[in-house]
């Protein structure tokens, strides 16, 4: 049952879009890599390129998700000088 469900490309794409919506609700680039991985896995399954079996599909999803997350972290991550350093407290008298 799970093998047949995992072989449907549309299930992966829907899962990716749901993770994308979850990323909008919970910001921070946590779920966006997983969403890209799910949509890419769905595209591979739809094109007939993806490996057979649930384990191989999950490994494909995991590898694509980690690569997407690392690329997103490099491109959109924290930049140098972006951290705010506070030199005085709000309770300090001016």
Foldseek 3Di string as FASTA:
>chain_A
DVQVLLLQLVNLLVVLVVLVVVCVVVPDLPSNLLSQLSNVLSVCSVVVNQDGDPVSSVVSSVVSSVVSSVVCCVPVNDDPPNDDDDPDDPPDDD
